[in-house]
C-alpha atoms as a PDB file:
ATOM      1  CA  MET A   1      24.177 -42.816  73.970  1.00  0.00           C
ATOM      2  CA  ILE A   2      22.318 -43.147  77.273  1.00  0.00           C
ATOM      3  CA  LEU A   3      23.862 -46.572  77.850  1.00  0.00           C
ATOM      4  CA  LEU A   4      27.321 -45.115  77.240  1.00  0.00           C
ATOM      5  CA  LEU A   5      26.657 -42.336  79.780  1.00  0.00           C
ATOM      6  CA  GLN A   6      25.345 -44.858  82.313  1.00  0.00           C
ATOM      7  CA  THR A   7      28.489 -46.932  81.855  1.00  0.00           C
ATOM      8  CA  LEU A   8      30.650 -43.839  82.294  1.00  0.00           C
ATOM      9  CA  ASP A   9      28.722 -42.911  85.444  1.00  0.00           C
ATOM     10  CA  PHE A  10      29.236 -46.430  86.830  1.00  0.00           C
ATOM     11  CA  LEU A  11      32.979 -46.304  86.132  1.00  0.00           C
ATOM     12  CA  LEU A  12      33.250 -42.900  87.800  1.00  0.00           C
ATOM     13  CA  MET A  13      31.406 -44.294  90.831  1.00  0.00           C
ATOM     14  CA  ILE A  14      33.853 -47.225  91.032  1.00  0.00           C
ATOM     15  CA  PHE A  15      36.804 -44.822  90.804  1.00  0.00           C
ATOM     16  CA  THR A  16      35.262 -42.692  93.561  1.00  0.00           C
ATOM     17  CA  TRP A  17      35.150 -45.731  95.847  1.00  0.00           C
ATOM     18  CA  ILE A  18      38.734 -46.631  94.932  1.00  0.00           C
ATOM     19  CA  ILE A  19      39.868 -43.167  96.047  1.00  0.00           C
ATOM     20  CA  ILE A  20      37.913 -43.413  99.310  1.00  0.00           C
ATOM     21  CA  ILE A  21      39.298 -46.880 100.069  1.00  0.00           C
ATOM     22  CA  GLN A  22      42.832 -45.736  99.299  1.00  0.00           C
ATOM     23  CA  ALA A  23      42.485 -42.724 101.608  1.00  0.00           C
ATOM     24  CA  ILE A  24      41.167 -44.847 104.470  1.00  0.00           C
ATOM     25  CA  LEU A  25      43.898 -47.462 104.034  1.00  0.00           C
ATOM     26  CA  SER A  26      46.610 -44.802 103.918  1.00  0.00           C
ATOM     27  CA  TRP A  27      45.283 -43.293 107.170  1.00  0.00           C
ATOM     28  CA  LEU A  28      45.252 -46.721 108.803  1.00  0.00           C
ATOM     29  CA  VAL A  29      48.866 -47.248 107.757  1.00  0.00           C
ATOM     30  CA  SER A  30      49.862 -43.752 108.940  1.00  0.00           C
ATOM     31  CA  PHE A  31      48.352 -44.327 112.374  1.00  0.00           C
ATOM     32  CA  ASN A  32      49.906 -47.830 112.611  1.00  0.00           C
ATOM     33  CA  VAL A  33      46.544 -49.582 112.741  1.00  0.00           C
ATOM     34  CA  ILE A  34      47.638 -51.863 109.916  1.00  0.00           C
ATOM     35  CA  SER A  35      51.214 -52.680 109.003  1.00  0.00           C
ATOM     36  CA  MET A  36      52.965 -52.399 105.676  1.00  0.00           C
ATOM     37  CA  GLN A  37      54.859 -55.553 106.691  1.00  0.00           C
ATOM     38  CA  ASN A  38      51.728 -57.482 105.722  1.00  0.00           C
ATOM     39  CA  ASP A  39      52.038 -58.538 102.052  1.00  0.00           C
ATOM     40  CA  MET A  40      48.307 -58.226 101.405  1.00  0.00           C
ATOM     41  CA  VAL A  41      48.186 -54.658 102.749  1.00  0.00           C
ATOM     42  CA  ARG A  42      51.333 -53.641 100.873  1.00  0.00           C
ATOM     43  CA  ASN A  43      50.120 -55.161  97.587  1.00  0.00           C
ATOM     44  CA  GLY A  44      46.656 -53.634  97.990  1.00  0.00           C
ATOM     45  CA  LEU A  45      48.014 -50.155  98.602  1.00  0.00           C
ATOM     46  CA  GLU A  46      50.507 -50.497  95.777  1.00  0.00           C
ATOM     47  CA  PHE A  47      47.689 -51.526  93.421  1.00  0.00           C
ATOM     48  CA  LEU A  48      45.518 -48.587  94.513  1.00  0.00           C
ATOM     49  CA  ASN A  49      48.446 -46.172  94.152  1.00  0.00           C
ATOM     50  CA  ARG A  50      49.135 -47.377  90.609  1.00  0.00           C
ATOM     51  CA  ILE A  51      45.504 -46.766  89.668  1.00  0.00           C
ATOM     52  CA  THR A  52      45.151 -43.331  91.241  1.00  0.00           C
ATOM     53  CA  GLU A  53      48.615 -41.805  90.795  1.00  0.00           C
ATOM     54  CA  PRO A  54      48.130 -40.890  87.080  1.00  0.00           C
ATOM     55  CA  VAL A  55      45.017 -38.927  88.058  1.00  0.00           C
ATOM     56  CA  TYR A  56      46.607 -37.257  91.093  1.00  0.00           C
ATOM     57  CA  ARG A  57      49.854 -36.251  89.373  1.00  0.00           C
ATOM     58  CA  PRO A  58      48.533 -33.333  87.247  1.00  0.00           C
ATOM     59  CA  ILE A  59      46.539 -31.996  90.196  1.00  0.00           C
ATOM     60  CA  ARG A  60      49.582 -32.171  92.493  1.00  0.00           C
ATOM     61  CA  ARG A  61      51.485 -30.029  89.993  1.00  0.00           C
ATOM     62  CA  ILE A  62      48.808 -27.336  90.221  1.00  0.00           C
ATOM     63  CA  LEU A  63      48.174 -27.397  93.991  1.00  0.00           C
ATOM     64  CA  PRO A  64      50.651 -25.702  96.313  1.00  0.00           C
ATOM     65  CA  ASP A  65      52.853 -27.959  98.431  1.00  0.00           C
ATOM     66  CA  LEU A  66      51.253 -28.317 101.854  1.00  0.00           C
ATOM     67  CA  GLY A  67      53.834 -30.666 103.337  1.00  0.00           C
ATOM     68  CA  MET A  68      52.274 -33.844 104.663  1.00  0.00           C
ATOM     69  CA  LEU A  69      48.747 -32.790 103.660  1.00  0.00           C
ATOM     70  CA  ASP A  70      47.755 -34.089 100.217  1.00  0.00           C
ATOM     71  CA  LEU A  71      44.579 -32.484  98.910  1.00  0.00           C
ATOM     72  CA  SER A  72      44.684 -34.084  95.456  1.00  0.00           C
ATOM     73  CA  PRO A  73      42.256 -36.938  96.386  1.00  0.00           C
ATOM     74  CA  LEU A  74      39.768 -34.340  97.633  1.00  0.00           C
ATOM     75  CA  VAL A  75      40.097 -32.330  94.410  1.00  0.00           C
ATOM     76  CA  VAL A  76      39.619 -35.478  92.306  1.00  0.00           C
ATOM     77  CA  LEU A  77      36.538 -36.428  94.346  1.00  0.00           C
ATOM     78  CA  LEU A  78      35.082 -32.946  93.786  1.00  0.00           C
ATOM     79  CA  ILE A  79      35.715 -33.231  90.044  1.00  0.00           C
ATOM     80  CA  LEU A  80      34.123 -36.684  89.954  1.00  0.00           C
ATOM     81  CA  MET A  81      31.136 -35.376  91.903  1.00  0.00           C
ATOM     82  CA  PHE A  82      30.747 -32.528  89.425  1.00  0.00           C
ATOM     83  CA  LEU A  83      30.913 -34.935  86.484  1.00  0.00           C
ATOM     84  CA  ARG A  84      28.457 -37.411  87.981  1.00  0.00           C
ATOM     85  CA  ARG A  85      25.896 -34.902  89.245  1.00  0.00           C
ATOM     86  CA  THR A  86      26.038 -32.145  86.664  1.00  0.00           C
ATOM     87  CA  LEU A  87      27.691 -33.007  83.382  1.00  0.00           C
ATOM     88  CA  ILE A  88      26.489 -36.589  82.831  1.00  0.00           C
ATOM     89  CA  PRO A  89      22.788 -35.821  83.563  1.00  0.00           C
ATOM     90  CA  TYR A  90      23.020 -32.775  81.291  1.00  0.00           C
ATOM     91  CA  LEU A  91      24.486 -34.866  78.465  1.00  0.00           C
ATOM     92  CA  ALA A  92      21.880 -37.583  79.040  1.00  0.00           C
ATOM     93  CA  MET A  93      19.068 -35.034  78.850  1.00  0.00           C
ATOM     94  CA  ALA A  94      20.535 -33.523  75.695  1.00  0.00           C
ATOM     95  CA  ALA A  95      20.841 -36.970  74.105  1.00  0.00           C
ATOM     96  CA  TYR A  96      17.293 -37.849  75.104  1.00  0.00           C
ATOM     97  CA  ASN A  97      15.921 -34.595  73.683  1.00  0.00           C
ATOM     98  CA  GLN A  98      17.698 -35.225  70.383  1.00  0.00           C
ATOM     99  CA  GLY A  99      16.266 -38.732  70.189  1.00  0.00           C
ATOM    100  CA  MET A 100      19.645 -40.445  70.551  1.00  0.00           C
ATOM    101  CA  GLY A 101      18.562 -42.422  73.649  1.00  0.00           C
END
């Protein structure tokens, strides 16, 4: 059980970094630091969007429309932080106390 929770924590950490990288790349594109004309940039952003869009979509339905400001990555990062720092350690401690470790 502990190994499963450690694996889940690792995957959540990877997804956190994917969100951060996507946000930074989107800012760089918005401020014309990097160009979408570059195939590598375009393919990288498209890949990151395909990974994160299914997670953002339900949150975007709940959040009010703020125009150009998209707060869904921030909300997802807060949820991931809650899961990684509160829920997973709690479940690990409960599994350890029950002798499932």
